[in-house]
Amino acid sequence: MKIAILGFGTVGSGVYDIIANGDTRMRVTAIFIRPTHPATMPEMTTDLDAILNDPTIDVIVETMGGLHPAHDYILQALQHGKHVVTANKGVVAKYLPEFTAVAAQHHVQFYFEATTGGGIPWIRNLERAARIDQIDTIEGIFNGTSNYILDQMQRAHLDFDPVLLAAKDMGYAEADPSADIDGEDVVNKLKISAALAYNMAPPRDVPTFGIRNVSKADIDFFASQHQVLRLIGKSKRDGDHYSMVVEPRLYSETALAANTFENFNLIRLHGQTIGDLHFYGQGAGKYPTANAIVQDLYDILENAPHLDRSFDQPLHFDANLNVTDYVLRADPMTFAMFNDRETEIVNDRLVIKQIPTGDMHKLMRGVLAIDADAFMAAIGDSELAAKDVLHQQDQEVIG
C-alpha cells in the first residue's frame, strides 16, 4: 500500500518514522510540503495535483491541521478515489458528515482515530460499543495540555503561567495555547465522539468554559476540600434529547479523573448493556498520535471496515439537560445575578445549587463582563451535591 502524507510536522514525521521502520506492506512514496518548506527528502513535493493524480497512491494521510486548505485537500483526495486518514480534529468536527458521504460515493474510507484521545484507541472502541448499545454518556479528560497544567498546579504547588511555560518547553502546548486552555480542542473531540455515539450531526455551539482564569489560590482551596480540578468534556443523551458541555469540574481526590496525571487522558462511555468503559493513556504527542494514524492504515490495508454512520438522527440539543452545582470565584457584586437560586458562600466563593448547565454558562458570560478574571467549576455530578465537596462550617446560606 502506497501512502502520501500531507504536512510533515510533528505528527506527519512520526507517521513516516513508524512506517519506515515497520510493515513492509506499507510505503510512503510522497510527502506534500508547502513551497516555503525546504525539500530535504526525495519523497517531498509541492505539487498536490501530482499526488492526487498518481494512480499508485492508495491512501492520503492529512496532518496539516486547520480548517483550510485541509477541507479542500481531503475532499479532493476522496473524489480522486483515495482513502483518507487524518488527525485533524477541527476539520473532522466541522465536516464529518460531508467527508463520510463523499467517501461512500467514491467507495473509499475516511478514518480519523487520531483526532481524539491521541494514542488511546477511543474512536474504534466507541464505534464497537455503538454497534450494539445506545450510548447515553460520554465524559472525560480529552486534552493532555490542560490536564498537565492542572496537575502540576496542584502537585507542584505552582501558578498557571509558569506551568504553561513549562508545558510549551516540553512540547505539550503550542506557541498559542488558546485551543487547549480555552476548551476548543475538547469541544472538537467531544463533537466527533457524540456524532459517532448518537449518529447525528453535532451542534455548532457548545457551552464552553476553559481554565485560562484558574489561579493557584483556586487550586489550593479545592485541595483543602479534598477536591481535584480537571477540564472535562461531557455529553449525555436522554431519549431524543442530548447535551454537550466543556468546563472545569471538581472530583473527589480518590476519583479516577483526579488520579489521571501529567498529559494523560481518561475517557468514559456508558452503554445500556456494556455499562461503563474507561479508556486511559497518552492523549497527545508525536508517536502516540502517529500510532493511531497507522492503526487506521492497517484497517484499510486489511479491509477492516469501521462503523457505518449516516449522522441523520433527528436529536435535539438541550444545554439544560444536565443540572449540577457550581462554585464561582468572582467579584462579590456579581453574586446578585444568582439571587433567585439557592446558594452558599464558602471562603468568599459562591456555591450555586442545582442549576441547569446552559443557564450557568449564560450567567457566567454576564459575570465575565463585570469581572474578566472570574472562574467557575462544576461540582462533581449532580447526585454528589455540594455537601460532598464544600463542607466548611462557616457557610452562609443566602438563597
Protein backbone atom coordinates (compact mmCIF):
# COMPACT_ATOMS: atom_id res chain seq x y z
CA MET A 1 0.00 0.00 0.00
CA LYS A 2 1.48 3.31 -1.10
CA ILE A 3 0.86 6.37 1.06
CA ALA A 4 1.18 10.13 0.65
CA ILE A 5 1.50 12.37 3.71
CA LEU A 6 0.18 15.94 3.57
CA GLY A 7 2.23 18.00 6.00
CA PHE A 8 5.47 16.95 7.63
CA GLY A 9 5.39 18.43 11.10
CA THR A 10 5.42 16.57 14.39
CA VAL A 11 2.68 14.05 13.58
CA GLY A 12 3.45 13.64 9.88
CA SER A 13 7.09 12.85 10.57
CA GLY A 14 6.01 10.42 13.29
CA VAL A 15 3.85 8.55 10.79
CA TYR A 16 6.77 8.39 8.38
CA ASP A 17 9.08 7.00 11.07
CA ILE A 18 6.67 4.24 12.11
CA ILE A 19 6.01 3.15 8.52
CA ALA A 20 9.68 3.32 7.51
CA ASN A 21 10.63 1.04 10.39
CA GLY A 22 7.59 -1.22 10.30
CA ASP A 23 5.44 -3.32 7.98
CA THR A 24 6.96 -3.59 4.51
CA ARG A 25 3.47 -3.76 3.02
CA MET A 26 3.22 -0.01 3.60
CA ARG A 27 5.44 2.61 2.00
CA VAL A 28 5.39 6.41 1.97
CA THR A 29 6.03 7.46 -1.63
CA ALA A 30 5.11 11.15 -1.45
CA ILE A 31 5.19 13.92 1.16
CA PHE A 32 3.38 17.16 0.35
CA ILE A 33 5.09 20.26 1.74
CA ARG A 34 4.39 23.95 1.40
CA PRO A 35 6.61 25.94 -1.01
CA THR A 36 8.27 27.65 1.96
CA HIS A 37 9.35 24.30 3.45
CA PRO A 38 12.77 23.06 2.29
CA ALA A 39 12.67 19.74 0.44
CA THR A 40 15.07 17.60 2.45
CA MET A 41 13.85 14.15 1.33
CA PRO A 42 13.35 12.64 -2.13
CA GLU A 43 9.66 11.94 -1.41
CA MET A 44 8.89 15.61 -0.78
CA THR A 45 6.94 17.65 -3.32
CA THR A 46 4.97 20.88 -3.52
CA ASP A 47 2.76 19.50 -6.30
CA LEU A 48 -0.52 18.31 -4.77
CA ASP A 49 -2.06 17.57 -8.16
CA ALA A 50 0.72 15.10 -8.90
CA ILE A 51 -0.18 13.22 -5.71
CA LEU A 52 -3.92 13.29 -6.43
CA ASN A 53 -3.44 12.07 -9.98
CA ASP A 54 -0.91 9.36 -9.16
CA PRO A 55 -2.83 6.07 -9.59
CA THR A 56 -0.27 4.18 -7.50
CA ILE A 57 -1.05 6.15 -4.31
CA ASP A 58 -3.75 4.37 -2.32
CA VAL A 59 -4.05 6.47 0.85
CA ILE A 60 -3.54 10.09 1.76
CA VAL A 61 -2.66 10.93 5.37
CA GLU A 62 -3.59 14.52 6.25
CA THR A 63 -1.61 16.01 9.15
CA MET A 64 -1.57 19.69 8.15
CA GLY A 65 -4.13 20.85 10.71
CA GLY A 66 -6.53 23.77 10.45
CA LEU A 67 -9.78 24.02 8.51
CA HIS A 68 -8.40 25.36 5.25
CA PRO A 69 -6.94 24.20 2.96
CA ALA A 70 -7.31 20.84 4.76
CA HIS A 71 -11.04 20.66 3.99
CA ASP A 72 -10.45 21.11 0.25
CA TYR A 73 -7.49 18.73 0.18
CA ILE A 74 -9.42 15.95 1.95
CA LEU A 75 -12.40 16.34 -0.39
CA GLN A 76 -10.15 16.28 -3.46
CA ALA A 77 -8.40 13.16 -2.23
CA LEU A 78 -11.69 11.34 -1.64
CA GLN A 79 -13.04 12.47 -5.01
CA HIS A 80 -9.91 11.07 -6.67
CA GLY A 81 -10.73 7.68 -5.18
CA LYS A 82 -8.12 7.69 -2.45
CA HIS A 83 -8.67 6.63 1.14
CA VAL A 84 -8.02 9.39 3.68
CA VAL A 85 -6.72 9.15 7.25
CA THR A 86 -6.46 12.32 9.31
CA ALA A 87 -5.54 13.57 12.77
CA ASN A 88 -7.19 16.95 12.14
CA LYS A 89 -9.86 17.23 14.84
CA GLY A 90 -11.07 20.70 13.85
CA VAL A 91 -11.88 19.83 10.24
CA VAL A 92 -13.44 16.48 11.20
CA ALA A 93 -15.64 18.05 13.89
CA LYS A 94 -17.00 20.54 11.36
CA TYR A 95 -17.24 18.42 8.20
CA LEU A 96 -17.56 14.78 9.34
CA PRO A 97 -20.96 14.08 7.69
CA GLU A 98 -19.74 15.60 4.42
CA PHE A 99 -16.48 13.65 4.39
CA THR A 100 -18.26 10.40 5.19
CA ALA A 101 -20.82 10.89 2.44
CA VAL A 102 -18.19 11.76 -0.20
CA ALA A 103 -16.07 8.76 0.82
CA ALA A 104 -19.07 6.47 0.39
CA GLN A 105 -19.85 7.94 -3.03
CA HIS A 106 -16.34 7.14 -4.21
CA HIS A 107 -16.08 3.74 -2.46
CA VAL A 108 -13.17 4.71 -0.23
CA GLN A 109 -12.65 5.01 3.52
CA PHE A 110 -12.36 8.11 5.69
CA TYR A 111 -10.80 7.29 9.09
CA PHE A 112 -9.88 9.59 11.95
CA GLU A 113 -8.86 7.61 15.04
CA ALA A 114 -6.03 10.05 15.77
CA THR A 115 -8.35 13.04 16.18
CA THR A 116 -9.48 12.04 19.66
CA GLY A 117 -7.57 10.56 22.57
CA GLY A 118 -4.10 10.57 20.99
CA GLY A 119 -2.77 7.04 21.29
CA ILE A 120 -5.87 5.73 23.08
CA PRO A 121 -7.97 3.53 20.76
CA TRP A 122 -11.03 5.58 21.67
CA ILE A 123 -12.82 6.03 18.34
CA ARG A 124 -12.53 2.37 17.36
CA ASN A 125 -13.90 1.18 20.70
CA LEU A 126 -16.64 3.81 20.73
CA GLU A 127 -17.71 2.53 17.33
CA ARG A 128 -17.69 -1.06 18.59
CA ALA A 129 -19.84 -0.15 21.58
CA ALA A 130 -22.25 1.84 19.41
CA ARG A 131 -22.81 -1.16 17.11
CA ILE A 132 -24.70 -2.87 19.92
CA ASP A 133 -25.60 -0.31 22.55
CA GLN A 134 -27.33 3.00 22.76
CA ILE A 135 -24.58 5.16 24.25
CA ASP A 136 -26.04 7.62 26.74
CA THR A 137 -22.93 9.24 28.26
CA ILE A 138 -19.50 10.32 27.06
CA GLU A 139 -17.27 12.05 29.59
CA GLY A 140 -13.65 12.58 30.28
CA ILE A 141 -10.30 14.30 30.11
CA PHE A 142 -9.76 14.81 26.38
CA ASN A 143 -6.86 17.27 26.44
CA GLY A 144 -3.37 16.43 27.68
CA THR A 145 -2.12 20.02 27.83
CA SER A 146 -4.83 21.28 30.17
CA ASN A 147 -4.52 18.18 32.30
CA TYR A 148 -0.76 18.69 32.64
CA ILE A 149 -1.31 22.30 33.71
CA LEU A 150 -3.93 21.49 36.34
CA ASP A 151 -2.00 18.50 37.63
CA GLN A 152 1.23 20.47 38.03
CA MET A 153 -0.54 23.42 39.65
CA GLN A 154 -1.83 21.08 42.32
CA ARG A 155 1.00 18.61 42.85
CA ALA A 156 3.91 21.05 42.36
CA HIS A 157 2.08 23.99 44.01
CA LEU A 158 2.73 26.31 41.08
CA ASP A 159 0.73 29.11 39.49
CA PHE A 160 -0.75 28.99 36.00
CA ASP A 161 1.79 30.99 33.98
CA PRO A 162 4.99 29.09 34.92
CA VAL A 163 3.25 25.75 34.35
CA LEU A 164 2.01 26.87 30.94
CA LEU A 165 5.56 27.93 30.06
CA ALA A 166 6.86 24.53 31.13
CA ALA A 167 4.16 22.84 29.01
CA LYS A 168 5.39 24.80 25.98
CA ASP A 169 9.00 23.86 26.69
CA MET A 170 8.04 20.16 26.90
CA GLY A 171 6.09 20.32 23.65
CA TYR A 172 2.69 19.75 25.30
CA ALA A 173 1.42 23.27 24.49
CA GLU A 174 1.58 25.21 21.24
CA ALA A 175 3.02 28.72 20.99
CA ASP A 176 -0.62 29.85 21.04
CA PRO A 177 -2.25 27.55 23.61
CA SER A 178 -5.72 29.05 23.31
CA ALA A 179 -7.40 25.95 21.86
CA ASP A 180 -6.14 23.86 24.79
CA ILE A 181 -6.69 26.20 27.73
CA ASP A 182 -9.96 27.70 26.46
CA GLY A 183 -11.52 24.28 25.76
CA GLU A 184 -11.92 24.43 21.97
CA ASP A 185 -9.77 21.34 21.47
CA VAL A 186 -12.05 19.40 23.81
CA VAL A 187 -15.13 20.75 22.04
CA ASN A 188 -13.93 19.32 18.73
CA LYS A 189 -13.15 15.92 20.25
CA LEU A 190 -16.48 15.82 22.06
CA LYS A 191 -18.34 16.71 18.86
CA ILE A 192 -16.65 13.88 16.97
CA SER A 193 -17.37 11.40 19.77
CA ALA A 194 -21.02 12.38 20.17
CA ALA A 195 -21.61 12.31 16.42
CA LEU A 196 -20.45 8.69 16.32
CA ALA A 197 -22.22 7.69 19.51
CA TYR A 198 -25.59 9.20 18.62
CA ASN A 199 -25.39 9.05 14.80
CA MET A 200 -26.16 12.76 14.46
CA ALA A 201 -24.56 15.92 13.14
CA PRO A 202 -23.04 17.78 16.11
CA PRO A 203 -24.28 21.24 17.11
CA ARG A 204 -22.46 24.35 16.03
CA ASP A 205 -22.18 25.86 19.51
CA VAL A 206 -21.33 24.03 22.74
CA PRO A 207 -21.33 25.68 26.20
CA THR A 208 -17.62 26.05 26.91
CA PHE A 209 -15.51 27.46 29.73
CA GLY A 210 -11.79 26.77 29.95
CA ILE A 211 -9.03 27.05 32.52
CA ARG A 212 -7.41 30.32 31.46
CA ASN A 213 -8.58 32.08 34.65
CA VAL A 214 -7.75 29.40 37.21
CA SER A 215 -5.36 30.55 39.93
CA LYS A 216 -3.12 28.88 42.47
CA ALA A 217 -5.49 30.17 45.17
CA ASP A 218 -8.36 28.31 43.46
CA ILE A 219 -6.37 25.08 43.27
CA ASP A 220 -5.25 25.41 46.90
CA PHE A 221 -8.84 26.00 48.05
CA PHE A 222 -10.11 22.96 46.17
CA ALA A 223 -7.27 20.86 47.60
CA SER A 224 -8.25 21.96 51.12
CA GLN A 225 -11.66 20.48 50.36
CA HIS A 226 -10.06 17.22 49.13
CA GLN A 227 -11.05 18.01 45.56
CA VAL A 228 -9.11 17.96 42.29
CA LEU A 229 -9.90 20.13 39.27
CA ARG A 230 -9.96 18.73 35.74
CA LEU A 231 -11.11 20.16 32.38
CA ILE A 232 -13.88 17.84 31.26
CA GLY A 233 -15.90 17.29 28.12
CA LYS A 234 -19.27 15.66 28.75
CA SER A 235 -22.23 14.64 26.61
CA LYS A 236 -25.41 12.98 27.77
CA ARG A 237 -28.33 11.57 25.82
CA ASP A 238 -31.85 11.16 27.15
CA GLY A 239 -34.33 9.86 24.56
CA ASP A 240 -34.28 12.24 21.60
CA HIS A 241 -32.50 14.99 23.55
CA TYR A 242 -28.79 15.34 24.22
CA SER A 243 -26.40 17.78 25.84
CA MET A 244 -22.75 18.71 25.44
CA VAL A 245 -20.57 20.85 27.68
CA VAL A 246 -16.87 21.58 28.21
CA GLU A 247 -15.97 23.01 31.61
CA PRO A 248 -13.71 22.63 34.66
CA ARG A 249 -15.11 20.05 37.07
CA LEU A 250 -14.20 19.05 40.63
CA TYR A 251 -13.69 15.44 41.61
CA SER A 252 -13.00 13.73 44.90
CA GLU A 253 -9.26 13.15 45.31
CA THR A 254 -9.91 9.39 45.16
CA ALA A 255 -11.74 9.53 41.81
CA LEU A 256 -10.17 8.14 38.63
CA ALA A 257 -10.20 11.57 36.97
CA ALA A 258 -8.38 13.10 39.95
CA ASN A 259 -5.67 10.46 39.59
CA THR A 260 -5.11 10.99 35.88
CA PHE A 261 -1.79 12.81 35.96
CA GLU A 262 0.54 14.70 33.63
CA ASN A 263 -0.63 14.79 29.98
CA PHE A 264 -2.71 11.61 30.14
CA ASN A 265 -6.33 11.31 29.03
CA LEU A 266 -9.18 9.40 30.64
CA ILE A 267 -12.38 8.98 28.63
CA ARG A 268 -15.54 7.13 29.67
CA LEU A 269 -18.59 5.90 27.83
CA HIS A 270 -21.73 4.33 29.21
CA GLY A 271 -23.92 1.96 27.20
CA GLN A 272 -27.15 0.23 28.12
CA THR A 273 -25.71 -3.28 28.13
CA ILE A 274 -21.96 -2.72 28.42
CA GLY A 275 -22.21 -0.27 31.31
CA ASP A 276 -19.16 1.90 31.98
CA LEU A 277 -15.99 1.59 29.92
CA HIS A 278 -12.92 3.71 30.71
CA PHE A 279 -10.01 4.39 28.33
CA TYR A 280 -6.72 5.71 29.68
CA GLY A 281 -3.45 6.58 28.01
CA GLN A 282 -1.23 9.15 26.35
CA GLY A 283 -3.52 11.82 25.00
CA ALA A 284 -1.07 13.60 22.75
CA GLY A 285 2.45 13.57 21.40
CA LYS A 286 4.26 12.69 18.20
CA TYR A 287 4.29 8.92 18.37
CA PRO A 288 1.02 8.21 20.26
CA THR A 289 -0.88 10.23 17.64
CA ALA A 290 1.11 8.76 14.75
CA ASN A 291 0.44 5.29 16.13
CA ALA A 292 -3.32 5.95 15.93
CA ILE A 293 -2.95 7.01 12.28
CA VAL A 294 -1.03 3.86 11.42
CA GLN A 295 -3.71 1.76 13.13
CA ASP A 296 -6.20 3.27 10.67
CA LEU A 297 -3.83 2.48 7.82
CA TYR A 298 -3.76 -1.14 8.92
CA ASP A 299 -7.56 -1.23 8.91
CA ILE A 300 -7.54 -0.04 5.30
CA LEU A 301 -4.78 -2.46 4.34
CA GLU A 302 -6.60 -5.39 5.94
CA ASN A 303 -10.06 -4.28 4.79
CA ALA A 304 -11.41 -3.90 8.32
CA PRO A 305 -14.38 -1.53 7.93
CA HIS A 306 -15.40 0.91 10.62
CA LEU A 307 -18.91 1.71 11.85
CA ASP A 308 -21.16 2.98 9.06
CA ARG A 309 -22.86 6.20 10.15
CA SER A 310 -25.29 8.48 8.30
CA PHE A 311 -25.34 11.21 11.01
CA ASP A 312 -29.03 11.82 10.38
CA GLN A 313 -30.70 11.03 13.72
CA PRO A 314 -33.19 13.87 14.50
CA LEU A 315 -31.95 14.57 18.01
CA HIS A 316 -32.48 17.85 19.83
CA PHE A 317 -29.66 19.70 21.56
CA ASP A 318 -30.59 20.79 25.09
CA ALA A 319 -27.94 22.72 27.00
CA ASN A 320 -30.04 22.41 30.16
CA LEU A 321 -30.37 18.63 30.13
CA ASN A 322 -27.84 18.43 32.99
CA VAL A 323 -28.39 20.03 36.39
CA THR A 324 -25.49 20.32 38.83
CA ASP A 325 -23.83 22.53 41.43
CA TYR A 326 -21.17 25.13 40.64
CA VAL A 327 -18.61 27.07 42.63
CA LEU A 328 -17.90 30.63 41.48
CA ARG A 329 -14.94 32.87 42.35
CA ALA A 330 -15.72 36.39 41.22
CA ASP A 331 -16.29 39.97 42.31
CA PRO A 332 -18.99 39.70 45.03
CA MET A 333 -21.13 42.25 43.21
CA THR A 334 -21.83 39.56 40.59
CA PHE A 335 -23.39 37.27 43.21
CA ALA A 336 -26.66 39.19 42.90
CA MET A 337 -27.15 37.57 39.48
CA PHE A 338 -27.93 34.34 41.36
CA ASN A 339 -30.41 35.74 43.88
CA ASP A 340 -33.17 33.53 42.51
CA ARG A 341 -31.08 30.42 43.18
CA GLU A 342 -30.21 28.51 46.32
CA THR A 343 -26.62 29.49 47.10
CA GLU A 344 -23.97 29.37 49.80
CA ILE A 345 -20.87 31.45 50.40
CA VAL A 346 -17.77 29.42 51.26
CA ASN A 347 -14.42 31.14 51.69
CA ASP A 348 -15.56 34.14 49.62
CA ARG A 349 -16.77 31.87 46.84
CA LEU A 350 -20.35 31.35 45.79
CA VAL A 351 -21.76 27.83 45.55
CA ILE A 352 -24.82 27.70 43.30
CA LYS A 353 -27.03 24.69 43.93
CA GLN A 354 -28.66 22.57 41.23
CA ILE A 355 -28.57 24.95 38.30
CA PRO A 356 -29.00 23.79 34.67
CA THR A 357 -25.71 23.81 32.81
CA GLY A 358 -26.87 26.05 29.97
CA ASP A 359 -28.24 28.63 32.40
CA MET A 360 -24.98 28.68 34.35
CA HIS A 361 -22.90 29.26 31.25
CA LYS A 362 -25.17 32.12 30.14
CA LEU A 363 -24.93 33.75 33.57
CA MET A 364 -21.16 33.25 33.56
CA ARG A 365 -20.90 35.38 30.43
CA GLY A 366 -22.54 38.18 32.41
CA VAL A 367 -20.16 37.60 35.31
CA LEU A 368 -17.15 37.85 33.00
CA ALA A 369 -18.44 41.15 31.61
CA ILE A 370 -18.02 42.56 35.13
CA ASP A 371 -15.03 40.52 36.31
CA ALA A 372 -12.87 39.29 33.42
CA ASP A 373 -10.78 37.14 35.80
CA ALA A 374 -13.71 35.20 37.28
CA PHE A 375 -13.57 31.42 37.45
CA MET A 376 -16.18 28.69 37.83
CA ALA A 377 -16.17 24.93 38.17
CA ALA A 378 -18.88 22.29 38.23
CA ILE A 379 -19.01 20.22 41.39
CA GLY A 380 -18.91 16.52 40.62
CA ASP A 381 -22.12 15.03 39.28
CA SER A 382 -25.49 16.41 40.26
CA GLU A 383 -26.06 13.45 42.57
CA LEU A 384 -22.97 14.32 44.63
CA ALA A 385 -24.21 17.80 45.58
CA ALA A 386 -22.19 20.48 47.35
CA LYS A 387 -22.18 18.73 50.71
CA ASP A 388 -19.66 16.23 49.37
CA VAL A 389 -17.31 18.94 48.19
CA LEU A 390 -17.56 22.12 50.21
CA HIS A 391 -18.10 21.24 53.83
CA GLN A 392 -16.64 24.10 55.83
CA GLN A 393 -18.51 25.13 58.94
CA ASP A 394 -18.73 28.86 58.17
CA GLN A 395 -21.18 28.55 55.29
CA GLU A 396 -23.72 31.32 54.88
CA VAL A 397 -26.96 30.39 53.12
CA ILE A 398 -28.11 33.34 51.02
CA GLY A 399 -30.64 31.73 48.69
